[in-house]
Amino acid sequence: MKVINEITALELRRMRDDGVPHQLIDLRETYEAERCNMGGLLIPMGEIIERLHEVRRDVPVVMHCRSGSRAQAVVQALCQRYGFSAMYNLRGGILAYAAEVDDTIQCD
C-alpha cells in the first residue's frame, strides 16, 4: 500500500500564515461543516468524484475531515486512480487543528 502524504495541523497553519498557495477541501457532510469549519471548500466525501473538476492540480491540495480517516481514503484514491500528486491528508482532521492551532473551533 502506498504511503499517504500527510500534513500536520501546525504545518498547515504555517502554510496559511506564510500565504503559500494551496486549496483546502473539507470532506465532511454539510451538517458537520455548519457546526464548525476552517474555511475550506466543502465537498462531502460522497460527492468528490462527481466534483473532481473543482479540485485544483496547480497548487497543493489539503483534504480534511473530522479526524483524518475519510481524508486519508480520499487522498489515496485520488492519487492512485486519478493521478493527483500534490495532495495531503490533514493528520487528525479538524479536531487536531482545533486542538493544536485554533481553540475557537468547537466541533462537539
N, C-alpha and C. Protein backbone atom coordinates (compact mmCIF):
# COMPACT_ATOMS: atom_id res chain seq x y z
N MET A 1 0.84 -1.19 0.00
CA MET A 1 0.00 0.00 0.00
C MET A 1 0.88 1.25 0.00
N LYS A 2 0.49 2.23 -0.81
CA LYS A 2 1.25 3.47 -0.94
C LYS A 2 1.12 4.31 0.34
N VAL A 3 2.22 4.95 0.71
CA VAL A 3 2.19 5.84 1.86
C VAL A 3 1.45 7.12 1.47
N ILE A 4 0.54 7.54 2.32
CA ILE A 4 -0.27 8.72 2.06
C ILE A 4 0.49 9.97 2.53
N ASN A 5 0.51 10.98 1.69
CA ASN A 5 1.11 12.25 2.09
C ASN A 5 0.24 12.86 3.18
N GLU A 6 0.88 13.28 4.26
CA GLU A 6 0.15 13.91 5.35
C GLU A 6 0.77 15.25 5.68
N ILE A 7 -0.03 16.11 6.26
CA ILE A 7 0.43 17.39 6.76
C ILE A 7 -0.14 17.53 8.17
N THR A 8 0.64 18.07 9.07
CA THR A 8 0.15 18.26 10.44
C THR A 8 -0.60 19.57 10.54
N ALA A 9 -1.34 19.73 11.61
CA ALA A 9 -2.08 20.97 11.84
C ALA A 9 -1.13 22.16 11.91
N LEU A 10 0.01 21.99 12.55
CA LEU A 10 0.97 23.09 12.66
C LEU A 10 1.59 23.43 11.31
N GLU A 11 1.84 22.42 10.49
CA GLU A 11 2.37 22.66 9.15
C GLU A 11 1.34 23.42 8.29
N LEU A 12 0.06 23.04 8.42
CA LEU A 12 -0.99 23.75 7.68
C LEU A 12 -1.10 25.19 8.15
N ARG A 13 -1.02 25.41 9.44
CA ARG A 13 -1.08 26.79 9.95
C ARG A 13 0.07 27.61 9.38
N ARG A 14 1.27 27.04 9.36
CA ARG A 14 2.43 27.73 8.82
C ARG A 14 2.21 28.07 7.34
N MET A 15 1.67 27.12 6.61
CA MET A 15 1.38 27.31 5.20
C MET A 15 0.40 28.48 5.01
N ARG A 16 -0.64 28.49 5.83
CA ARG A 16 -1.65 29.55 5.74
C ARG A 16 -1.06 30.89 6.15
N ASP A 17 -0.31 30.90 7.26
CA ASP A 17 0.30 32.14 7.75
C ASP A 17 1.27 32.73 6.74
N ASP A 18 2.01 31.86 6.05
CA ASP A 18 3.01 32.30 5.08
C ASP A 18 2.41 32.63 3.71
N GLY A 19 1.11 32.41 3.56
CA GLY A 19 0.45 32.71 2.29
C GLY A 19 0.84 31.77 1.16
N VAL A 20 1.21 30.55 1.51
CA VAL A 20 1.57 29.56 0.50
C VAL A 20 0.30 29.16 -0.26
N PRO A 21 0.29 29.31 -1.58
CA PRO A 21 -0.90 28.93 -2.34
C PRO A 21 -1.25 27.46 -2.13
N HIS A 22 -2.51 27.20 -1.81
CA HIS A 22 -2.99 25.84 -1.62
C HIS A 22 -4.51 25.85 -1.68
N GLN A 23 -5.08 24.67 -1.75
CA GLN A 23 -6.53 24.53 -1.70
C GLN A 23 -6.86 23.65 -0.50
N LEU A 24 -7.78 24.10 0.31
CA LEU A 24 -8.24 23.33 1.48
C LEU A 24 -9.64 22.80 1.16
N ILE A 25 -9.80 21.49 1.24
CA ILE A 25 -11.09 20.87 0.95
C ILE A 25 -11.59 20.11 2.18
N ASP A 26 -12.81 20.42 2.57
CA ASP A 26 -13.49 19.81 3.71
C ASP A 26 -14.35 18.68 3.16
N LEU A 27 -14.06 17.46 3.56
CA LEU A 27 -14.77 16.28 3.05
C LEU A 27 -15.94 15.85 3.94
N ARG A 28 -16.21 16.62 4.96
CA ARG A 28 -17.30 16.25 5.87
C ARG A 28 -18.65 16.56 5.24
N GLU A 29 -19.69 16.10 5.89
CA GLU A 29 -21.05 16.37 5.44
C GLU A 29 -21.42 17.82 5.77
N THR A 30 -22.43 18.34 5.06
CA THR A 30 -22.86 19.72 5.25
C THR A 30 -23.19 20.03 6.70
N TYR A 31 -23.91 19.13 7.38
CA TYR A 31 -24.29 19.40 8.77
C TYR A 31 -23.06 19.50 9.67
N GLU A 32 -21.99 18.77 9.35
CA GLU A 32 -20.76 18.85 10.14
C GLU A 32 -20.07 20.19 9.91
N ALA A 33 -20.02 20.63 8.66
CA ALA A 33 -19.37 21.89 8.32
C ALA A 33 -20.14 23.09 8.89
N GLU A 34 -21.45 22.95 9.02
CA GLU A 34 -22.25 24.03 9.60
C GLU A 34 -21.93 24.20 11.07
N ARG A 35 -21.54 23.12 11.73
CA ARG A 35 -21.20 23.14 13.15
C ARG A 35 -19.86 23.85 13.39
N CYS A 36 -18.89 23.56 12.53
CA CYS A 36 -17.57 24.15 12.66
C CYS A 36 -16.83 23.95 11.34
N ASN A 37 -15.97 24.92 10.99
CA ASN A 37 -15.20 24.75 9.77
C ASN A 37 -13.94 25.59 9.81
N MET A 38 -13.07 25.34 8.83
CA MET A 38 -11.79 26.03 8.73
C MET A 38 -11.75 26.92 7.49
N GLY A 39 -12.88 27.08 6.82
CA GLY A 39 -12.94 27.96 5.67
C GLY A 39 -12.57 27.31 4.35
N GLY A 40 -12.50 26.01 4.31
CA GLY A 40 -12.16 25.34 3.06
C GLY A 40 -13.39 25.13 2.18
N LEU A 41 -13.15 24.63 0.98
CA LEU A 41 -14.23 24.29 0.05
C LEU A 41 -14.89 23.01 0.54
N LEU A 42 -16.20 23.03 0.72
CA LEU A 42 -16.93 21.85 1.18
C LEU A 42 -17.29 20.95 0.00
N ILE A 43 -16.71 19.77 -0.01
CA ILE A 43 -17.08 18.73 -0.98
C ILE A 43 -17.24 17.44 -0.16
N PRO A 44 -18.45 17.10 0.26
CA PRO A 44 -18.62 15.88 1.03
C PRO A 44 -18.00 14.66 0.32
N MET A 45 -17.46 13.75 1.09
CA MET A 45 -16.75 12.59 0.55
C MET A 45 -17.54 11.89 -0.55
N GLY A 46 -18.82 11.74 -0.39
CA GLY A 46 -19.65 11.04 -1.37
C GLY A 46 -19.81 11.78 -2.68
N GLU A 47 -19.42 13.06 -2.73
CA GLU A 47 -19.56 13.86 -3.94
C GLU A 47 -18.22 14.11 -4.64
N ILE A 48 -17.12 13.64 -4.07
CA ILE A 48 -15.80 14.03 -4.57
C ILE A 48 -15.58 13.62 -6.03
N ILE A 49 -16.00 12.45 -6.43
CA ILE A 49 -15.75 12.01 -7.81
C ILE A 49 -16.52 12.88 -8.81
N GLU A 50 -17.78 13.15 -8.52
CA GLU A 50 -18.56 13.98 -9.45
C GLU A 50 -18.13 15.44 -9.44
N ARG A 51 -17.36 15.84 -8.43
CA ARG A 51 -16.91 17.23 -8.35
C ARG A 51 -15.39 17.37 -8.51
N LEU A 52 -14.77 16.35 -9.12
CA LEU A 52 -13.32 16.37 -9.32
C LEU A 52 -12.84 17.62 -10.05
N HIS A 53 -13.67 18.18 -10.93
CA HIS A 53 -13.30 19.38 -11.67
C HIS A 53 -13.03 20.57 -10.75
N GLU A 54 -13.49 20.50 -9.49
CA GLU A 54 -13.27 21.58 -8.53
C GLU A 54 -11.96 21.43 -7.76
N VAL A 55 -11.32 20.27 -7.90
CA VAL A 55 -10.08 20.00 -7.19
C VAL A 55 -8.92 20.49 -8.04
N ARG A 56 -8.15 21.39 -7.50
CA ARG A 56 -7.06 22.01 -8.26
C ARG A 56 -5.87 21.06 -8.41
N ARG A 57 -5.17 21.21 -9.51
CA ARG A 57 -3.95 20.43 -9.75
C ARG A 57 -2.73 21.34 -9.80
N ASP A 58 -2.94 22.65 -9.73
CA ASP A 58 -1.83 23.59 -9.86
C ASP A 58 -1.24 24.06 -8.54
N VAL A 59 -1.85 23.66 -7.43
CA VAL A 59 -1.35 24.00 -6.09
C VAL A 59 -1.53 22.78 -5.20
N PRO A 60 -0.79 22.71 -4.07
CA PRO A 60 -1.03 21.62 -3.13
C PRO A 60 -2.48 21.64 -2.63
N VAL A 61 -3.05 20.46 -2.49
CA VAL A 61 -4.43 20.33 -2.00
C VAL A 61 -4.38 19.62 -0.66
N VAL A 62 -4.98 20.24 0.35
CA VAL A 62 -5.06 19.64 1.69
C VAL A 62 -6.51 19.23 1.91
N MET A 63 -6.71 17.93 2.12
CA MET A 63 -8.04 17.38 2.39
C MET A 63 -8.18 17.18 3.90
N HIS A 64 -9.35 17.52 4.41
CA HIS A 64 -9.57 17.23 5.83
C HIS A 64 -11.00 16.76 6.06
N CYS A 65 -11.13 16.04 7.15
CA CYS A 65 -12.44 15.59 7.62
C CYS A 65 -12.43 15.82 9.13
N ARG A 66 -13.19 15.05 9.86
CA ARG A 66 -13.25 15.25 11.31
C ARG A 66 -11.96 14.80 11.99
N SER A 67 -11.54 13.55 11.70
CA SER A 67 -10.38 13.00 12.40
C SER A 67 -9.27 12.51 11.49
N GLY A 68 -9.49 12.53 10.20
CA GLY A 68 -8.44 12.13 9.26
C GLY A 68 -8.70 10.87 8.47
N SER A 69 -9.64 10.03 8.89
CA SER A 69 -9.87 8.75 8.22
C SER A 69 -10.45 8.90 6.82
N ARG A 70 -11.50 9.70 6.68
CA ARG A 70 -12.11 9.90 5.36
C ARG A 70 -11.13 10.57 4.41
N ALA A 71 -10.44 11.58 4.90
CA ALA A 71 -9.50 12.30 4.04
C ALA A 71 -8.36 11.38 3.59
N GLN A 72 -7.90 10.53 4.47
CA GLN A 72 -6.83 9.60 4.10
C GLN A 72 -7.29 8.70 2.95
N ALA A 73 -8.50 8.19 3.04
CA ALA A 73 -9.04 7.31 1.99
C ALA A 73 -9.20 8.06 0.67
N VAL A 74 -9.67 9.30 0.73
CA VAL A 74 -9.89 10.09 -0.49
C VAL A 74 -8.55 10.45 -1.13
N VAL A 75 -7.58 10.88 -0.33
CA VAL A 75 -6.26 11.21 -0.87
C VAL A 75 -5.66 10.00 -1.57
N GLN A 76 -5.74 8.85 -0.94
CA GLN A 76 -5.20 7.63 -1.54
C GLN A 76 -5.89 7.32 -2.87
N ALA A 77 -7.20 7.39 -2.88
CA ALA A 77 -7.95 7.07 -4.11
C ALA A 77 -7.65 8.07 -5.23
N LEU A 78 -7.63 9.35 -4.92
CA LEU A 78 -7.40 10.35 -5.96
C LEU A 78 -5.98 10.28 -6.52
N CYS A 79 -5.02 9.98 -5.68
CA CYS A 79 -3.64 9.86 -6.16
C CYS A 79 -3.47 8.60 -7.01
N GLN A 80 -4.04 7.50 -6.56
CA GLN A 80 -3.86 6.24 -7.27
C GLN A 80 -4.70 6.14 -8.54
N ARG A 81 -5.94 6.60 -8.48
CA ARG A 81 -6.86 6.40 -9.61
C ARG A 81 -6.95 7.57 -10.57
N TYR A 82 -6.65 8.78 -10.08
CA TYR A 82 -6.86 9.96 -10.91
C TYR A 82 -5.59 10.79 -11.12
N GLY A 83 -4.47 10.27 -10.67
CA GLY A 83 -3.19 10.89 -10.96
C GLY A 83 -2.86 12.18 -10.22
N PHE A 84 -3.56 12.47 -9.14
CA PHE A 84 -3.20 13.65 -8.34
C PHE A 84 -1.89 13.36 -7.62
N SER A 85 -1.10 14.40 -7.40
CA SER A 85 0.18 14.18 -6.73
C SER A 85 0.38 15.08 -5.51
N ALA A 86 0.17 16.37 -5.66
CA ALA A 86 0.40 17.29 -4.54
C ALA A 86 -0.85 17.37 -3.67
N MET A 87 -1.17 16.24 -3.06
CA MET A 87 -2.39 16.12 -2.27
C MET A 87 -2.04 15.58 -0.89
N TYR A 88 -2.62 16.19 0.15
CA TYR A 88 -2.25 15.85 1.51
C TYR A 88 -3.48 15.64 2.39
N ASN A 89 -3.35 14.71 3.31
CA ASN A 89 -4.35 14.46 4.34
C ASN A 89 -3.94 15.28 5.57
N LEU A 90 -4.87 16.06 6.12
CA LEU A 90 -4.60 16.76 7.37
C LEU A 90 -4.66 15.72 8.49
N ARG A 91 -3.49 15.37 9.03
CA ARG A 91 -3.42 14.33 10.06
C ARG A 91 -4.24 14.76 11.29
N GLY A 92 -5.20 13.93 11.66
CA GLY A 92 -6.04 14.22 12.82
C GLY A 92 -7.25 15.09 12.50
N GLY A 93 -7.35 15.55 11.25
CA GLY A 93 -8.51 16.31 10.80
C GLY A 93 -8.72 17.63 11.52
N ILE A 94 -9.95 18.11 11.43
CA ILE A 94 -10.28 19.40 12.04
C ILE A 94 -10.15 19.34 13.57
N LEU A 95 -10.32 18.16 14.14
CA LEU A 95 -10.16 18.04 15.59
C LEU A 95 -8.73 18.35 16.01
N ALA A 96 -7.76 17.87 15.24
CA ALA A 96 -6.35 18.16 15.54
C ALA A 96 -6.06 19.64 15.34
N TYR A 97 -6.61 20.23 14.28
CA TYR A 97 -6.40 21.65 14.01
C TYR A 97 -6.97 22.49 15.16
N ALA A 98 -8.16 22.12 15.62
CA ALA A 98 -8.78 22.85 16.72
C ALA A 98 -7.95 22.71 18.01
N ALA A 99 -7.44 21.52 18.26
CA ALA A 99 -6.67 21.27 19.48
C ALA A 99 -5.28 21.91 19.45
N GLU A 100 -4.64 21.90 18.29
CA GLU A 100 -3.25 22.33 18.20
C GLU A 100 -3.05 23.76 17.71
N VAL A 101 -4.05 24.30 16.98
CA VAL A 101 -3.85 25.59 16.32
C VAL A 101 -4.89 26.63 16.72
N ASP A 102 -6.17 26.28 16.66
CA ASP A 102 -7.23 27.27 16.81
C ASP A 102 -8.31 26.77 17.76
N ASP A 103 -8.17 27.12 19.02
CA ASP A 103 -9.13 26.61 20.03
C ASP A 103 -10.50 27.30 19.95
N THR A 104 -10.67 28.24 19.01
CA THR A 104 -12.01 28.83 18.83
C THR A 104 -12.89 27.91 17.99
N ILE A 105 -12.28 26.92 17.33
CA ILE A 105 -13.06 25.96 16.56
C ILE A 105 -13.61 24.92 17.54
N GLN A 106 -14.93 24.89 17.66
CA GLN A 106 -15.60 23.96 18.56
C GLN A 106 -16.52 23.08 17.75
N CYS A 107 -16.14 21.81 17.57
CA CYS A 107 -16.91 20.90 16.72
C CYS A 107 -17.88 20.02 17.48
N ASP A 108 -17.65 19.83 18.75
CA ASP A 108 -18.52 18.90 19.50
C ASP A 108 -19.41 19.62 20.48
